[in-house]
Amino acid sequence: MSLSLLNNSDCIKVIVAEDEPLIAWMLEDALSGMGLEVVGPFATVAEASTCVLSEDPQLAVLDVDLADGAVYPLADALHKKNVPLIFHTANTD
């Protein structure tokens, strides 16, 4: 089934964690353009972690390094909820 064919009640909720505003906007635009419901974007692990407690995302797009540190604690929490993860980074280290 194509993502664009989903109706609102079947919309896939994706959490976006990205601390660079331009990249966050581009991710949000691309994902919503595919018919996904974007939650966020969040610039910090703390903000995104708080959201995960109240939201039930089906997918996560995570920048590896956020404003308050590495995203791995958030990734672990999402993994425990069986949420598929997509990591991205501009860090070359």
N, C-alpha and C. Protein backbone atom coordinates (compact mmCIF):
# COMPACT_ATOMS: atom_id res chain seq x y z
N MET A 1 0.84 -1.17 0.00
CA MET A 1 0.00 0.00 0.00
C MET A 1 0.89 1.24 0.00
N SER A 2 0.60 2.15 -0.87
CA SER A 2 1.34 3.39 -0.96
C SER A 2 1.03 4.28 0.24
N LEU A 3 2.03 4.98 0.76
CA LEU A 3 1.80 5.88 1.88
C LEU A 3 0.82 6.98 1.51
N SER A 4 0.83 7.43 0.26
CA SER A 4 -0.05 8.51 -0.15
C SER A 4 -1.51 8.08 -0.21
N LEU A 5 -1.78 6.77 -0.19
CA LEU A 5 -3.15 6.28 -0.25
C LEU A 5 -3.79 6.13 1.12
N LEU A 6 -3.05 6.38 2.17
CA LEU A 6 -3.59 6.24 3.52
C LEU A 6 -4.57 7.37 3.81
N ASN A 7 -5.68 7.05 4.48
CA ASN A 7 -6.57 8.13 4.91
C ASN A 7 -6.12 8.60 6.29
N ASN A 8 -6.71 9.68 6.80
CA ASN A 8 -6.26 10.29 8.05
C ASN A 8 -6.29 9.34 9.23
N SER A 9 -7.27 8.44 9.29
CA SER A 9 -7.36 7.53 10.43
C SER A 9 -6.27 6.47 10.39
N ASP A 10 -5.70 6.23 9.21
CA ASP A 10 -4.64 5.24 9.06
C ASP A 10 -3.27 5.89 8.94
N CYS A 11 -3.18 7.17 9.21
CA CYS A 11 -1.94 7.92 9.00
C CYS A 11 -0.84 7.40 9.92
N ILE A 12 0.33 7.20 9.34
CA ILE A 12 1.50 6.76 10.10
C ILE A 12 2.09 7.98 10.81
N LYS A 13 2.26 7.85 12.12
CA LYS A 13 2.81 8.93 12.93
C LYS A 13 4.32 8.74 13.06
N VAL A 14 5.07 9.75 12.64
CA VAL A 14 6.53 9.67 12.69
C VAL A 14 7.07 10.80 13.56
N ILE A 15 7.93 10.44 14.51
CA ILE A 15 8.57 11.43 15.37
C ILE A 15 9.89 11.84 14.71
N VAL A 16 10.14 13.13 14.69
CA VAL A 16 11.37 13.67 14.09
C VAL A 16 12.16 14.37 15.18
N ALA A 17 13.41 13.98 15.33
CA ALA A 17 14.32 14.62 16.28
C ALA A 17 15.50 15.16 15.47
N GLU A 18 15.57 16.49 15.38
CA GLU A 18 16.61 17.17 14.58
C GLU A 18 16.80 18.56 15.15
N ASP A 19 18.05 18.94 15.44
CA ASP A 19 18.30 20.23 16.06
C ASP A 19 18.71 21.33 15.09
N GLU A 20 18.93 21.02 13.84
CA GLU A 20 19.23 22.05 12.84
C GLU A 20 17.92 22.47 12.19
N PRO A 21 17.50 23.74 12.37
CA PRO A 21 16.18 24.16 11.90
C PRO A 21 15.91 23.91 10.42
N LEU A 22 16.85 24.18 9.55
CA LEU A 22 16.62 23.98 8.11
C LEU A 22 16.43 22.49 7.78
N ILE A 23 17.25 21.65 8.36
CA ILE A 23 17.13 20.20 8.12
C ILE A 23 15.81 19.69 8.72
N ALA A 24 15.46 20.18 9.90
CA ALA A 24 14.19 19.78 10.53
C ALA A 24 13.02 20.15 9.64
N TRP A 25 13.04 21.35 9.10
CA TRP A 25 11.96 21.79 8.22
C TRP A 25 11.89 20.93 6.96
N MET A 26 13.05 20.63 6.37
CA MET A 26 13.08 19.80 5.15
C MET A 26 12.56 18.40 5.43
N LEU A 27 12.95 17.80 6.56
CA LEU A 27 12.45 16.48 6.92
C LEU A 27 10.94 16.51 7.13
N GLU A 28 10.48 17.52 7.86
CA GLU A 28 9.04 17.64 8.13
C GLU A 28 8.27 17.79 6.82
N ASP A 29 8.77 18.61 5.93
CA ASP A 29 8.11 18.84 4.64
C ASP A 29 8.08 17.56 3.80
N ALA A 30 9.20 16.86 3.72
CA ALA A 30 9.27 15.63 2.92
C ALA A 30 8.37 14.54 3.49
N LEU A 31 8.39 14.36 4.79
CA LEU A 31 7.60 13.30 5.41
C LEU A 31 6.10 13.60 5.33
N SER A 32 5.72 14.83 5.60
CA SER A 32 4.30 15.17 5.50
C SER A 32 3.84 15.11 4.04
N GLY A 33 4.74 15.41 3.11
CA GLY A 33 4.43 15.30 1.70
C GLY A 33 4.16 13.86 1.27
N MET A 34 4.67 12.90 2.03
CA MET A 34 4.41 11.48 1.76
C MET A 34 3.16 10.99 2.48
N GLY A 35 2.46 11.90 3.15
CA GLY A 35 1.24 11.53 3.84
C GLY A 35 1.43 11.07 5.27
N LEU A 36 2.61 11.29 5.83
CA LEU A 36 2.88 10.90 7.21
C LEU A 36 2.51 12.03 8.15
N GLU A 37 2.08 11.70 9.35
CA GLU A 37 1.80 12.70 10.38
C GLU A 37 3.09 12.92 11.17
N VAL A 38 3.66 14.10 11.06
CA VAL A 38 4.94 14.40 11.72
C VAL A 38 4.68 14.92 13.13
N VAL A 39 5.36 14.31 14.09
CA VAL A 39 5.34 14.77 15.47
C VAL A 39 6.71 15.39 15.72
N GLY A 40 6.72 16.63 16.08
CA GLY A 40 7.97 17.37 16.21
C GLY A 40 8.08 18.38 15.09
N PRO A 41 9.26 18.71 14.72
CA PRO A 41 10.55 18.16 15.15
C PRO A 41 10.97 18.65 16.53
N PHE A 42 11.80 17.84 17.17
CA PHE A 42 12.32 18.14 18.49
C PHE A 42 13.82 18.35 18.38
N ALA A 43 14.33 19.40 19.05
CA ALA A 43 15.75 19.72 18.98
C ALA A 43 16.58 19.03 20.05
N THR A 44 15.91 18.48 21.07
CA THR A 44 16.66 17.85 22.16
C THR A 44 16.11 16.45 22.46
N VAL A 45 16.97 15.66 23.05
CA VAL A 45 16.56 14.33 23.51
C VAL A 45 15.47 14.46 24.56
N ALA A 46 15.62 15.44 25.45
CA ALA A 46 14.65 15.64 26.53
C ALA A 46 13.26 15.94 25.98
N GLU A 47 13.16 16.85 25.02
CA GLU A 47 11.86 17.19 24.42
C GLU A 47 11.24 15.98 23.73
N ALA A 48 12.03 15.30 22.95
CA ALA A 48 11.52 14.14 22.21
C ALA A 48 11.13 13.01 23.17
N SER A 49 11.89 12.82 24.21
CA SER A 49 11.58 11.76 25.19
C SER A 49 10.26 12.04 25.89
N THR A 50 10.01 13.28 26.23
CA THR A 50 8.74 13.66 26.85
C THR A 50 7.58 13.37 25.91
N CYS A 51 7.78 13.66 24.63
CA CYS A 51 6.73 13.41 23.64
C CYS A 51 6.45 11.92 23.50
N VAL A 52 7.48 11.10 23.54
CA VAL A 52 7.31 9.65 23.38
C VAL A 52 6.42 9.08 24.48
N LEU A 53 6.43 9.70 25.64
CA LEU A 53 5.59 9.23 26.74
C LEU A 53 4.10 9.43 26.44
N SER A 54 3.78 10.48 25.68
CA SER A 54 2.37 10.79 25.42
C SER A 54 1.90 10.41 24.02
N GLU A 55 2.81 10.26 23.10
CA GLU A 55 2.47 9.91 21.71
C GLU A 55 2.80 8.43 21.47
N ASP A 56 2.27 7.90 20.41
CA ASP A 56 2.54 6.51 20.06
C ASP A 56 2.99 6.45 18.60
N PRO A 57 4.24 6.88 18.33
CA PRO A 57 4.70 6.92 16.93
C PRO A 57 4.90 5.51 16.36
N GLN A 58 4.75 5.40 15.05
CA GLN A 58 5.00 4.14 14.36
C GLN A 58 6.37 4.13 13.67
N LEU A 59 7.05 5.28 13.66
CA LEU A 59 8.34 5.42 13.00
C LEU A 59 9.07 6.59 13.64
N ALA A 60 10.41 6.55 13.63
CA ALA A 60 11.21 7.66 14.16
C ALA A 60 12.36 7.97 13.21
N VAL A 61 12.56 9.26 12.96
CA VAL A 61 13.71 9.74 12.19
C VAL A 61 14.54 10.57 13.16
N LEU A 62 15.75 10.10 13.45
CA LEU A 62 16.55 10.67 14.52
C LEU A 62 17.92 11.13 14.05
N ASP A 63 18.22 12.39 14.32
CA ASP A 63 19.58 12.89 14.16
C ASP A 63 20.40 12.28 15.29
N VAL A 64 21.59 11.82 15.01
CA VAL A 64 22.40 11.14 16.02
C VAL A 64 22.83 12.09 17.13
N ASP A 65 23.18 13.33 16.79
CA ASP A 65 23.63 14.31 17.78
C ASP A 65 22.63 15.46 17.85
N LEU A 66 21.93 15.55 18.98
CA LEU A 66 20.98 16.64 19.19
C LEU A 66 21.59 17.70 20.09
N ALA A 67 20.85 18.78 20.32
CA ALA A 67 21.38 19.92 21.08
C ALA A 67 21.83 19.55 22.49
N ASP A 68 21.21 18.54 23.10
CA ASP A 68 21.58 18.16 24.47
C ASP A 68 22.32 16.83 24.55
N GLY A 69 22.80 16.33 23.42
CA GLY A 69 23.61 15.11 23.45
C GLY A 69 23.17 14.06 22.45
N ALA A 70 23.77 12.89 22.57
CA ALA A 70 23.50 11.78 21.65
C ALA A 70 22.08 11.27 21.84
N VAL A 71 21.49 10.82 20.75
CA VAL A 71 20.08 10.43 20.70
C VAL A 71 19.85 8.99 21.19
N TYR A 72 20.88 8.28 21.56
CA TYR A 72 20.75 6.85 21.86
C TYR A 72 19.79 6.50 23.00
N PRO A 73 19.70 7.29 24.09
CA PRO A 73 18.69 6.96 25.11
C PRO A 73 17.26 7.01 24.54
N LEU A 74 16.99 7.98 23.68
CA LEU A 74 15.69 8.06 23.03
C LEU A 74 15.48 6.87 22.10
N ALA A 75 16.52 6.53 21.35
CA ALA A 75 16.44 5.38 20.45
C ALA A 75 16.15 4.09 21.22
N ASP A 76 16.79 3.94 22.37
CA ASP A 76 16.53 2.75 23.20
C ASP A 76 15.07 2.69 23.65
N ALA A 77 14.52 3.83 24.08
CA ALA A 77 13.12 3.87 24.52
C ALA A 77 12.18 3.54 23.37
N LEU A 78 12.47 4.06 22.19
CA LEU A 78 11.64 3.77 21.02
C LEU A 78 11.77 2.31 20.60
N HIS A 79 12.99 1.79 20.68
CA HIS A 79 13.22 0.39 20.31
C HIS A 79 12.42 -0.55 21.23
N LYS A 80 12.36 -0.22 22.51
CA LYS A 80 11.57 -1.02 23.46
C LYS A 80 10.09 -1.02 23.11
N LYS A 81 9.64 0.03 22.42
CA LYS A 81 8.24 0.12 21.98
C LYS A 81 8.07 -0.46 20.57
N ASN A 82 9.14 -1.08 20.05
CA ASN A 82 9.14 -1.68 18.71
C ASN A 82 8.89 -0.66 17.60
N VAL A 83 9.38 0.56 17.80
CA VAL A 83 9.26 1.61 16.79
C VAL A 83 10.48 1.52 15.86
N PRO A 84 10.26 1.35 14.54
CA PRO A 84 11.38 1.35 13.61
C PRO A 84 12.12 2.69 13.64
N LEU A 85 13.44 2.64 13.53
CA LEU A 85 14.28 3.83 13.65
C LEU A 85 15.04 4.08 12.36
N ILE A 86 15.14 5.35 11.99
CA ILE A 86 16.02 5.80 10.91
C ILE A 86 16.96 6.83 11.53
N PHE A 87 18.25 6.53 11.50
CA PHE A 87 19.25 7.46 12.01
C PHE A 87 19.83 8.25 10.85
N HIS A 88 20.15 9.51 11.12
CA HIS A 88 20.88 10.31 10.13
C HIS A 88 21.79 11.27 10.87
N THR A 89 22.82 11.72 10.19
CA THR A 89 23.76 12.67 10.81
C THR A 89 24.57 13.37 9.73
N ALA A 90 25.02 14.57 10.05
CA ALA A 90 25.97 15.28 9.20
C ALA A 90 27.36 15.19 9.81
N ASN A 91 27.47 14.52 10.95
CA ASN A 91 28.73 14.37 11.65
C ASN A 91 29.60 13.36 10.89
N THR A 92 30.82 13.74 10.58
CA THR A 92 31.72 12.85 9.84
C THR A 92 32.62 12.02 10.74
N ASP A 93 32.52 12.22 12.07
CA ASP A 93 33.35 11.42 12.99
C ASP A 93 32.77 10.05 13.21
